[in-house]
N, C-alpha and C. Protein backbone atom coordinates (compact mmCIF):
# COMPACT_ATOMS: atom_id res chain seq x y z
N GLU A 1 37.21 42.66 211.92
CA GLU A 1 37.45 44.02 212.37
C GLU A 1 37.63 44.04 213.89
N LEU A 2 38.79 44.41 214.31
CA LEU A 2 39.07 44.53 215.74
C LEU A 2 38.67 45.92 216.23
N PRO A 3 38.21 46.02 217.45
CA PRO A 3 37.89 47.35 217.98
C PRO A 3 39.18 48.16 218.13
N THR A 4 39.10 49.43 217.78
CA THR A 4 40.28 50.30 217.88
C THR A 4 39.93 51.56 218.65
N ASP A 5 40.96 52.23 219.11
CA ASP A 5 40.74 53.45 219.87
C ASP A 5 40.58 54.68 218.98
N LYS A 6 40.85 54.50 217.69
CA LYS A 6 40.65 55.60 216.74
C LYS A 6 40.41 55.00 215.36
N PRO A 7 39.84 55.77 214.44
CA PRO A 7 39.52 55.23 213.11
C PRO A 7 40.78 54.80 212.35
N ARG A 8 40.64 53.80 211.52
CA ARG A 8 41.73 53.34 210.67
C ARG A 8 42.03 54.44 209.65
N PRO A 9 43.31 54.80 209.45
CA PRO A 9 43.63 55.82 208.43
C PRO A 9 43.32 55.31 207.02
N ALA A 10 43.06 56.20 206.11
CA ALA A 10 42.73 55.83 204.74
C ALA A 10 43.90 55.14 204.04
N VAL A 11 45.11 55.48 204.43
CA VAL A 11 46.32 54.85 203.89
C VAL A 11 47.16 54.39 205.08
N ARG A 12 47.60 53.13 205.04
CA ARG A 12 48.40 52.59 206.14
C ARG A 12 49.67 53.40 206.35
N THR A 13 49.98 53.62 207.61
CA THR A 13 51.21 54.34 207.95
C THR A 13 52.32 53.39 208.39
N PHE A 14 51.98 52.19 208.80
CA PHE A 14 52.89 51.19 209.33
C PHE A 14 53.51 51.62 210.65
N ASN A 15 52.96 52.66 211.27
CA ASN A 15 53.40 53.03 212.62
C ASN A 15 52.95 51.93 213.57
N GLY A 16 53.76 51.61 214.52
CA GLY A 16 53.38 50.55 215.45
C GLY A 16 54.30 50.49 216.64
N SER A 17 54.06 49.51 217.45
CA SER A 17 54.87 49.28 218.63
C SER A 17 54.70 47.82 219.01
N GLY A 18 55.26 47.44 220.13
CA GLY A 18 55.15 46.04 220.53
C GLY A 18 55.29 45.87 222.03
N GLU A 19 54.84 44.74 222.48
CA GLU A 19 54.94 44.36 223.89
C GLU A 19 55.37 42.91 223.96
N SER A 20 56.15 42.57 224.96
CA SER A 20 56.55 41.18 225.14
C SER A 20 56.12 40.68 226.51
N LEU A 21 55.95 39.38 226.58
CA LEU A 21 55.63 38.74 227.85
C LEU A 21 56.15 37.32 227.81
N MET A 22 56.15 36.68 228.97
CA MET A 22 56.68 35.33 229.07
C MET A 22 55.67 34.44 229.78
N LEU A 23 55.36 33.29 229.18
CA LEU A 23 54.55 32.27 229.84
C LEU A 23 55.54 31.35 230.54
N ASP A 24 55.36 31.13 231.84
CA ASP A 24 56.36 30.36 232.59
C ASP A 24 56.45 28.91 232.11
N ALA A 25 57.49 28.23 232.56
CA ALA A 25 57.78 26.87 232.10
C ALA A 25 56.64 25.90 232.43
N ASP A 26 56.00 26.04 233.59
CA ASP A 26 54.91 25.12 233.96
C ASP A 26 53.72 25.28 233.03
N LEU A 27 53.31 26.52 232.75
CA LEU A 27 52.19 26.76 231.84
C LEU A 27 52.55 26.29 230.43
N SER A 28 53.76 26.56 230.00
CA SER A 28 54.20 26.14 228.67
C SER A 28 54.19 24.63 228.54
N ALA A 29 54.64 23.92 229.58
CA ALA A 29 54.63 22.46 229.57
C ALA A 29 53.20 21.93 229.55
N ALA A 30 52.31 22.57 230.29
CA ALA A 30 50.89 22.15 230.31
C ALA A 30 50.26 22.35 228.92
N LEU A 31 50.60 23.43 228.23
CA LEU A 31 50.09 23.66 226.88
C LEU A 31 50.60 22.58 225.92
N GLN A 32 51.88 22.23 226.04
CA GLN A 32 52.44 21.18 225.17
C GLN A 32 51.79 19.84 225.47
N LYS A 33 51.53 19.57 226.74
CA LYS A 33 50.88 18.32 227.13
C LYS A 33 49.47 18.24 226.54
N LEU A 34 48.73 19.34 226.59
CA LEU A 34 47.39 19.39 226.01
C LEU A 34 47.46 19.18 224.49
N ALA A 35 48.42 19.82 223.84
CA ALA A 35 48.58 19.65 222.39
C ALA A 35 48.83 18.18 222.06
N ASN A 36 49.71 17.53 222.82
CA ASN A 36 50.00 16.12 222.59
C ASN A 36 48.76 15.27 222.80
N ALA A 37 48.01 15.54 223.86
CA ALA A 37 46.79 14.77 224.16
C ALA A 37 45.75 14.92 223.06
N GLU A 38 45.71 16.08 222.42
CA GLU A 38 44.74 16.35 221.36
C GLU A 38 45.28 15.99 219.97
N GLN A 39 46.48 15.40 219.93
CA GLN A 39 47.13 15.00 218.69
C GLN A 39 47.29 16.16 217.71
N CYS A 40 47.74 17.27 218.26
CA CYS A 40 48.02 18.43 217.42
C CYS A 40 49.36 19.03 217.86
N THR A 41 49.86 19.94 217.09
CA THR A 41 51.11 20.59 217.44
C THR A 41 50.84 21.77 218.37
N LEU A 42 51.90 22.23 219.02
CA LEU A 42 51.77 23.42 219.86
C LEU A 42 51.30 24.61 219.01
N PHE A 43 51.79 24.71 217.78
CA PHE A 43 51.35 25.77 216.88
C PHE A 43 49.83 25.74 216.71
N MET A 44 49.28 24.56 216.45
CA MET A 44 47.83 24.44 216.24
C MET A 44 47.05 24.83 217.49
N LEU A 45 47.54 24.41 218.65
CA LEU A 45 46.87 24.73 219.92
C LEU A 45 46.88 26.24 220.16
N LEU A 46 48.05 26.86 220.00
CA LEU A 46 48.16 28.31 220.24
C LEU A 46 47.37 29.10 219.20
N LEU A 47 47.34 28.61 217.96
CA LEU A 47 46.55 29.27 216.91
C LEU A 47 45.07 29.24 217.27
N ALA A 48 44.58 28.11 217.74
CA ALA A 48 43.17 28.00 218.14
C ALA A 48 42.87 28.96 219.28
N GLY A 49 43.74 29.01 220.28
CA GLY A 49 43.54 29.93 221.41
C GLY A 49 43.56 31.38 220.96
N PHE A 50 44.48 31.72 220.08
CA PHE A 50 44.56 33.08 219.55
C PHE A 50 43.31 33.40 218.75
N GLY A 51 42.81 32.42 217.98
CA GLY A 51 41.58 32.61 217.21
C GLY A 51 40.39 32.89 218.11
N VAL A 52 40.30 32.17 219.24
CA VAL A 52 39.21 32.42 220.19
C VAL A 52 39.29 33.85 220.72
N LEU A 53 40.49 34.28 221.09
CA LEU A 53 40.67 35.65 221.60
C LEU A 53 40.26 36.68 220.55
N LEU A 54 40.71 36.48 219.31
CA LEU A 54 40.35 37.41 218.23
C LEU A 54 38.85 37.39 217.96
N GLY A 55 38.25 36.22 218.06
CA GLY A 55 36.80 36.11 217.86
C GLY A 55 36.03 36.89 218.91
N ARG A 56 36.51 36.83 220.14
CA ARG A 56 35.82 37.56 221.22
C ARG A 56 35.93 39.07 221.01
N TYR A 57 37.13 39.54 220.63
CA TYR A 57 37.31 40.98 220.44
C TYR A 57 36.61 41.49 219.18
N SER A 58 36.58 40.68 218.14
CA SER A 58 36.00 41.15 216.87
C SER A 58 34.52 40.82 216.75
N THR A 59 34.00 39.99 217.66
CA THR A 59 32.62 39.47 217.61
C THR A 59 32.32 38.79 216.28
N SER A 60 33.33 38.15 215.72
CA SER A 60 33.18 37.41 214.46
C SER A 60 33.43 35.93 214.74
N ASP A 61 32.78 35.07 213.97
CA ASP A 61 33.04 33.64 214.12
C ASP A 61 33.83 33.08 212.94
N ASP A 62 34.32 33.97 212.08
CA ASP A 62 35.14 33.56 210.94
C ASP A 62 36.40 34.42 210.94
N ILE A 63 37.48 33.85 211.44
CA ILE A 63 38.73 34.58 211.62
C ILE A 63 39.76 34.03 210.64
N VAL A 64 40.47 34.90 209.94
CA VAL A 64 41.55 34.48 209.05
C VAL A 64 42.85 35.07 209.60
N ILE A 65 43.82 34.17 209.81
CA ILE A 65 45.11 34.55 210.40
C ILE A 65 46.20 34.11 209.44
N GLY A 66 47.15 34.98 209.16
CA GLY A 66 48.26 34.65 208.29
C GLY A 66 49.40 34.04 209.09
N THR A 67 50.17 33.19 208.43
CA THR A 67 51.38 32.64 209.05
C THR A 67 52.40 32.37 207.94
N PRO A 68 53.67 32.61 208.25
CA PRO A 68 54.69 32.29 207.25
C PRO A 68 54.99 30.79 207.26
N ILE A 69 55.41 30.27 206.12
CA ILE A 69 55.80 28.86 206.01
C ILE A 69 57.09 28.80 205.19
N SER A 70 57.91 27.81 205.48
CA SER A 70 59.28 27.78 204.96
C SER A 70 59.37 27.77 203.44
N GLY A 71 58.46 27.17 202.73
CA GLY A 71 58.53 27.17 201.28
C GLY A 71 59.61 26.26 200.72
N ARG A 72 60.04 25.27 201.50
CA ARG A 72 61.08 24.34 201.04
C ARG A 72 60.54 22.91 200.98
N SER A 73 59.34 22.73 200.47
CA SER A 73 58.76 21.40 200.38
C SER A 73 59.40 20.57 199.26
N ASP A 74 60.02 21.22 198.29
CA ASP A 74 60.70 20.52 197.20
C ASP A 74 62.11 20.13 197.65
N PRO A 75 62.43 18.82 197.68
CA PRO A 75 63.76 18.39 198.13
C PRO A 75 64.89 19.01 197.31
N GLY A 76 64.62 19.43 196.09
CA GLY A 76 65.63 20.06 195.26
C GLY A 76 66.10 21.41 195.79
N LEU A 77 65.35 22.00 196.72
CA LEU A 77 65.73 23.30 197.27
C LEU A 77 66.58 23.20 198.53
N GLU A 78 66.77 21.97 199.05
CA GLU A 78 67.46 21.80 200.34
C GLU A 78 68.87 22.38 200.35
N ASP A 79 69.60 22.26 199.25
CA ASP A 79 71.00 22.71 199.22
C ASP A 79 71.17 24.12 198.69
N ILE A 80 70.07 24.80 198.42
CA ILE A 80 70.14 26.16 197.89
C ILE A 80 70.05 27.15 199.04
N VAL A 81 70.97 28.12 199.04
CA VAL A 81 70.99 29.16 200.06
C VAL A 81 69.95 30.22 199.71
N GLY A 82 69.20 30.67 200.69
CA GLY A 82 68.23 31.73 200.46
C GLY A 82 66.97 31.51 201.25
N ILE A 83 66.12 32.49 201.21
CA ILE A 83 64.85 32.44 201.92
C ILE A 83 63.75 32.13 200.92
N PHE A 84 62.97 31.10 201.22
CA PHE A 84 61.88 30.68 200.35
C PHE A 84 60.56 30.74 201.10
N LEU A 85 60.32 31.82 201.81
CA LEU A 85 59.10 31.94 202.61
C LEU A 85 57.88 32.15 201.75
N ASN A 86 56.79 31.59 202.21
CA ASN A 86 55.48 31.84 201.62
C ASN A 86 54.55 32.17 202.79
N THR A 87 53.39 32.66 202.49
CA THR A 87 52.41 32.97 203.53
C THR A 87 51.17 32.12 203.33
N LEU A 88 50.67 31.57 204.44
CA LEU A 88 49.42 30.82 204.42
C LEU A 88 48.35 31.64 205.11
N ALA A 89 47.15 31.61 204.58
CA ALA A 89 45.99 32.21 205.24
C ALA A 89 45.21 31.07 205.89
N LEU A 90 45.14 31.07 207.23
CA LEU A 90 44.50 29.99 207.98
C LEU A 90 43.17 30.48 208.54
N ARG A 91 42.13 29.72 208.29
CA ARG A 91 40.80 30.08 208.76
C ARG A 91 40.55 29.43 210.11
N CYS A 92 40.05 30.22 211.06
CA CYS A 92 39.63 29.74 212.38
C CYS A 92 38.11 29.88 212.41
N ASP A 93 37.43 28.74 212.34
CA ASP A 93 35.98 28.71 212.25
C ASP A 93 35.38 28.53 213.64
N LEU A 94 34.83 29.61 214.18
CA LEU A 94 34.22 29.59 215.51
C LEU A 94 32.70 29.43 215.45
N SER A 95 32.17 29.17 214.26
CA SER A 95 30.70 29.07 214.12
C SER A 95 30.17 27.87 214.90
N GLY A 96 28.95 28.01 215.38
CA GLY A 96 28.31 26.95 216.14
C GLY A 96 28.78 26.84 217.57
N ASN A 97 29.55 27.82 218.04
CA ASN A 97 30.03 27.85 219.41
C ASN A 97 30.68 26.51 219.82
N PRO A 98 31.76 26.09 219.11
CA PRO A 98 32.37 24.80 219.39
C PRO A 98 33.06 24.78 220.75
N SER A 99 33.16 23.59 221.34
CA SER A 99 34.00 23.45 222.53
C SER A 99 35.45 23.65 222.09
N PHE A 100 36.35 23.87 223.04
CA PHE A 100 37.74 24.08 222.65
C PHE A 100 38.31 22.83 222.01
N HIS A 101 37.92 21.66 222.47
CA HIS A 101 38.38 20.41 221.87
C HIS A 101 37.90 20.30 220.42
N GLU A 102 36.65 20.68 220.15
CA GLU A 102 36.14 20.68 218.78
C GLU A 102 36.90 21.69 217.93
N LEU A 103 37.16 22.86 218.49
CA LEU A 103 37.90 23.89 217.76
C LEU A 103 39.31 23.41 217.44
N LEU A 104 39.95 22.71 218.37
CA LEU A 104 41.28 22.17 218.10
C LEU A 104 41.26 21.20 216.92
N ARG A 105 40.26 20.33 216.88
CA ARG A 105 40.16 19.39 215.77
C ARG A 105 39.93 20.14 214.44
N LYS A 106 39.07 21.15 214.45
CA LYS A 106 38.83 21.95 213.24
C LYS A 106 40.09 22.70 212.82
N THR A 107 40.79 23.25 213.81
CA THR A 107 42.02 24.00 213.52
C THR A 107 43.08 23.06 212.94
N ARG A 108 43.23 21.90 213.55
CA ARG A 108 44.19 20.91 213.05
C ARG A 108 43.89 20.59 211.59
N GLY A 109 42.63 20.33 211.27
CA GLY A 109 42.24 20.03 209.90
C GLY A 109 42.51 21.19 208.95
N SER A 110 42.21 22.39 209.39
CA SER A 110 42.43 23.59 208.58
C SER A 110 43.91 23.79 208.28
N VAL A 111 44.74 23.61 209.30
CA VAL A 111 46.19 23.78 209.12
C VAL A 111 46.74 22.71 208.19
N LEU A 112 46.35 21.45 208.41
CA LEU A 112 46.84 20.37 207.55
C LEU A 112 46.38 20.56 206.11
N ASP A 113 45.15 21.03 205.90
CA ASP A 113 44.67 21.32 204.55
C ASP A 113 45.52 22.43 203.91
N ALA A 114 45.82 23.46 204.68
CA ALA A 114 46.63 24.57 204.16
C ALA A 114 48.03 24.10 203.79
N TYR A 115 48.60 23.19 204.59
CA TYR A 115 49.93 22.66 204.28
C TYR A 115 49.94 21.93 202.93
N GLN A 116 48.81 21.33 202.55
CA GLN A 116 48.72 20.62 201.27
C GLN A 116 48.85 21.59 200.09
N HIS A 117 48.57 22.88 200.32
CA HIS A 117 48.61 23.89 199.25
C HIS A 117 49.66 24.96 199.53
N GLN A 118 50.65 24.63 200.35
CA GLN A 118 51.63 25.64 200.77
C GLN A 118 52.51 26.15 199.62
N ASP A 119 52.58 25.41 198.52
CA ASP A 119 53.43 25.84 197.41
C ASP A 119 52.77 26.88 196.52
N LEU A 120 51.45 27.10 196.69
CA LEU A 120 50.78 28.14 195.92
C LEU A 120 51.25 29.50 196.43
N PRO A 121 51.90 30.28 195.58
CA PRO A 121 52.38 31.59 196.04
C PRO A 121 51.22 32.46 196.54
N PHE A 122 51.42 33.08 197.68
CA PHE A 122 50.38 33.92 198.28
C PHE A 122 49.93 35.01 197.33
N GLU A 123 50.86 35.57 196.57
CA GLU A 123 50.52 36.63 195.61
C GLU A 123 49.53 36.13 194.56
N ARG A 124 49.66 34.85 194.16
CA ARG A 124 48.73 34.29 193.18
C ARG A 124 47.33 34.16 193.79
N LEU A 125 47.27 33.76 195.06
CA LEU A 125 45.98 33.68 195.75
C LEU A 125 45.30 35.05 195.77
N VAL A 126 46.07 36.07 196.11
CA VAL A 126 45.52 37.43 196.15
C VAL A 126 45.01 37.83 194.77
N ASP A 127 45.78 37.54 193.72
CA ASP A 127 45.36 37.87 192.36
C ASP A 127 44.08 37.13 191.97
N LYS A 128 44.00 35.84 192.29
CA LYS A 128 42.83 35.03 191.91
C LYS A 128 41.56 35.48 192.62
N LEU A 129 41.68 35.93 193.87
CA LEU A 129 40.50 36.36 194.63
C LEU A 129 39.96 37.70 194.15
N GLN A 130 40.77 38.50 193.47
CA GLN A 130 40.36 39.79 192.92
C GLN A 130 39.56 40.62 193.92
N LEU A 131 40.16 40.85 195.07
CA LEU A 131 39.48 41.59 196.13
C LEU A 131 39.54 43.10 195.94
N GLY A 132 40.31 43.54 195.00
CA GLY A 132 40.47 44.98 194.83
C GLY A 132 41.52 45.50 195.80
N ARG A 133 42.05 46.61 195.50
CA ARG A 133 43.11 47.17 196.33
C ARG A 133 42.51 48.08 197.40
N ASN A 134 43.01 47.93 198.62
CA ASN A 134 42.58 48.78 199.72
C ASN A 134 43.84 49.27 200.42
N LEU A 135 44.07 50.56 200.42
CA LEU A 135 45.30 51.11 200.98
C LEU A 135 45.30 51.18 202.50
N SER A 136 44.15 50.91 203.14
CA SER A 136 44.08 51.04 204.59
C SER A 136 44.48 49.76 205.33
N HIS A 137 44.41 48.60 204.66
CA HIS A 137 44.80 47.34 205.32
C HIS A 137 44.97 46.23 204.29
N SER A 138 45.66 45.17 204.69
CA SER A 138 45.81 44.04 203.77
C SER A 138 44.46 43.36 203.60
N GLN A 139 44.25 42.78 202.44
CA GLN A 139 42.92 42.32 202.07
C GLN A 139 42.49 40.99 202.69
N ILE A 140 43.37 40.03 202.82
CA ILE A 140 42.95 38.69 203.23
C ILE A 140 42.97 38.54 204.74
N PHE A 141 43.98 39.07 205.38
CA PHE A 141 44.05 39.01 206.84
C PHE A 141 44.78 40.24 207.36
N GLN A 142 44.47 40.58 208.60
CA GLN A 142 45.14 41.71 209.26
C GLN A 142 45.92 41.26 210.49
N VAL A 143 45.97 39.94 210.71
CA VAL A 143 46.66 39.39 211.88
C VAL A 143 47.60 38.30 211.43
N MET A 144 48.84 38.34 211.92
CA MET A 144 49.85 37.34 211.60
C MET A 144 50.20 36.60 212.88
N PHE A 145 50.54 35.30 212.76
CA PHE A 145 50.88 34.47 213.91
C PHE A 145 52.02 33.54 213.56
N THR A 146 53.03 33.48 214.43
CA THR A 146 54.14 32.55 214.23
C THR A 146 54.51 31.90 215.56
N VAL A 147 55.02 30.68 215.44
CA VAL A 147 55.61 30.00 216.59
C VAL A 147 56.99 29.53 216.16
N ASN A 148 58.00 29.94 216.92
CA ASN A 148 59.38 29.57 216.63
C ASN A 148 59.81 28.47 217.58
N ALA A 149 60.50 27.46 217.05
CA ALA A 149 60.89 26.29 217.84
C ALA A 149 61.88 26.66 218.96
N GLY A 150 62.65 27.66 218.78
CA GLY A 150 63.62 28.04 219.81
C GLY A 150 64.29 29.34 219.44
N GLU A 151 65.02 29.87 220.41
CA GLU A 151 65.76 31.10 220.14
C GLU A 151 66.98 30.77 219.28
N PRO A 152 67.40 31.71 218.46
CA PRO A 152 68.59 31.45 217.64
C PRO A 152 69.80 31.19 218.53
N ALA A 153 70.60 30.21 218.12
CA ALA A 153 71.82 29.90 218.88
C ALA A 153 72.84 31.00 218.68
N PRO A 154 73.68 31.24 219.69
CA PRO A 154 74.76 32.23 219.51
C PRO A 154 75.64 31.83 218.33
N PHE A 155 76.11 32.81 217.61
CA PHE A 155 76.94 32.58 216.43
C PHE A 155 78.34 33.08 216.73
N GLU A 156 79.35 32.28 216.42
CA GLU A 156 80.74 32.68 216.67
C GLU A 156 81.48 32.76 215.35
N PHE A 157 82.30 33.83 215.23
CA PHE A 157 83.09 34.03 214.03
C PHE A 157 84.35 34.78 214.42
N ASN A 158 85.52 34.17 214.21
CA ASN A 158 86.81 34.80 214.53
C ASN A 158 86.85 35.38 215.94
N GLY A 159 86.35 34.62 216.92
CA GLY A 159 86.39 35.07 218.31
C GLY A 159 85.29 36.03 218.70
N LEU A 160 84.44 36.40 217.76
CA LEU A 160 83.33 37.30 218.03
C LEU A 160 82.08 36.46 218.22
N THR A 161 81.40 36.63 219.35
CA THR A 161 80.18 35.88 219.64
C THR A 161 78.99 36.82 219.57
N THR A 162 77.94 36.39 218.89
CA THR A 162 76.73 37.21 218.77
C THR A 162 75.58 36.52 219.47
N ASN A 163 74.66 37.30 219.94
CA ASN A 163 73.41 36.81 220.53
C ASN A 163 72.26 37.64 219.98
N ALA A 164 71.12 36.99 219.82
CA ALA A 164 69.94 37.71 219.35
C ALA A 164 69.39 38.58 220.47
N ILE A 165 68.94 39.76 220.12
CA ILE A 165 68.27 40.64 221.09
C ILE A 165 66.95 41.09 220.49
N GLY A 166 65.99 41.30 221.34
CA GLY A 166 64.70 41.80 220.88
C GLY A 166 64.80 43.29 220.59
N PHE A 167 64.03 43.74 219.61
CA PHE A 167 64.06 45.15 219.26
C PHE A 167 62.70 45.55 218.72
N ASP A 168 62.18 46.65 219.20
CA ASP A 168 60.92 47.19 218.72
C ASP A 168 61.26 48.26 217.68
N TYR A 169 60.95 47.99 216.41
CA TYR A 169 61.28 48.90 215.32
C TYR A 169 60.34 50.09 215.22
N GLY A 170 59.24 50.05 215.97
CA GLY A 170 58.28 51.14 215.90
C GLY A 170 57.39 51.07 214.67
N THR A 171 57.34 49.88 214.05
CA THR A 171 56.50 49.69 212.87
C THR A 171 55.65 48.43 213.04
N ALA A 172 54.63 48.32 212.22
CA ALA A 172 53.78 47.13 212.21
C ALA A 172 53.22 46.95 210.79
N LYS A 173 53.40 45.78 210.22
CA LYS A 173 52.87 45.50 208.88
C LYS A 173 51.39 45.13 208.93
N PHE A 174 50.95 44.62 210.10
CA PHE A 174 49.57 44.16 210.26
C PHE A 174 48.97 44.81 211.49
N ASP A 175 47.65 44.67 211.65
CA ASP A 175 47.01 45.19 212.86
C ASP A 175 47.62 44.52 214.10
N LEU A 176 47.82 43.20 214.03
CA LEU A 176 48.46 42.44 215.11
C LEU A 176 49.39 41.41 214.51
N ASN A 177 50.51 41.19 215.17
CA ASN A 177 51.44 40.13 214.79
C ASN A 177 51.93 39.50 216.08
N LEU A 178 51.46 38.29 216.38
CA LEU A 178 51.86 37.58 217.58
C LEU A 178 52.91 36.55 217.22
N SER A 179 54.08 36.68 217.81
CA SER A 179 55.18 35.76 217.58
C SER A 179 55.53 35.10 218.90
N MET A 180 55.48 33.77 218.93
CA MET A 180 55.78 33.02 220.16
C MET A 180 57.03 32.19 219.93
N THR A 181 57.88 32.11 220.96
CA THR A 181 59.14 31.38 220.87
C THR A 181 59.32 30.50 222.09
N ASP A 182 59.65 29.23 221.84
CA ASP A 182 59.98 28.32 222.93
C ASP A 182 61.40 28.62 223.36
N THR A 183 61.56 29.21 224.54
CA THR A 183 62.89 29.62 225.01
C THR A 183 63.60 28.55 225.81
N GLY A 184 62.91 27.46 226.11
CA GLY A 184 63.47 26.44 226.99
C GLY A 184 63.09 26.70 228.44
N ASN A 185 62.77 27.94 228.76
CA ASN A 185 62.30 28.32 230.10
C ASN A 185 60.85 28.73 230.08
N GLY A 186 60.16 28.48 228.99
CA GLY A 186 58.78 28.88 228.83
C GLY A 186 58.58 29.45 227.44
N LEU A 187 57.37 29.87 227.17
CA LEU A 187 57.07 30.48 225.87
C LEU A 187 57.15 31.99 225.97
N GLY A 188 58.00 32.57 225.15
CA GLY A 188 58.09 34.02 225.05
C GLY A 188 57.11 34.49 223.99
N ALA A 189 56.48 35.60 224.22
CA ALA A 189 55.53 36.16 223.25
C ALA A 189 55.88 37.60 222.98
N PHE A 190 55.84 37.97 221.72
CA PHE A 190 55.99 39.37 221.33
C PHE A 190 54.82 39.71 220.44
N ILE A 191 54.08 40.72 220.82
CA ILE A 191 52.94 41.14 220.01
C ILE A 191 53.21 42.54 219.46
N GLU A 192 53.14 42.63 218.16
CA GLU A 192 53.37 43.88 217.46
C GLU A 192 52.01 44.39 217.03
N TYR A 193 51.77 45.68 217.20
CA TYR A 193 50.47 46.25 216.86
C TYR A 193 50.65 47.61 216.23
């Protein structure tokens, strides 16, 4: 439970907004260097840091964060057009007041364990847990986190060139959704709330 400025509505409205910021190239390179030194990915490092932040705000030592995963672990799906996304629920265990290095090792293990079960449809997990329906928020996690390897490349078609632009839709599916992108000039962050 994150602290809020007003009570959660009984039924989700999906009203929201977002803010973006940029971590400069030097800080981004230092984060990647730390991830390499700790034998983890940048995703794992940023997830651990985000988990610490959420733990401080929620005063909880058991944080569950959702993340999308490609869902193409079966080689037979490589040539099929379409989106095969699944969602993983990743646990960030802050119990015992671990050092950040200890937390990184725990996070790395948690993420690798989750990857072993990435083919289990998220909907089946929700059904098996039988948490009951709650219209005010999603049951397993209220925070989503993604790291994108890079910005989409410009697309050209019949002399028309397109570029991706950021857009705030004024909605939010979760309490928080942090999306980070390696832009080549640093890490861009967009947080939807």
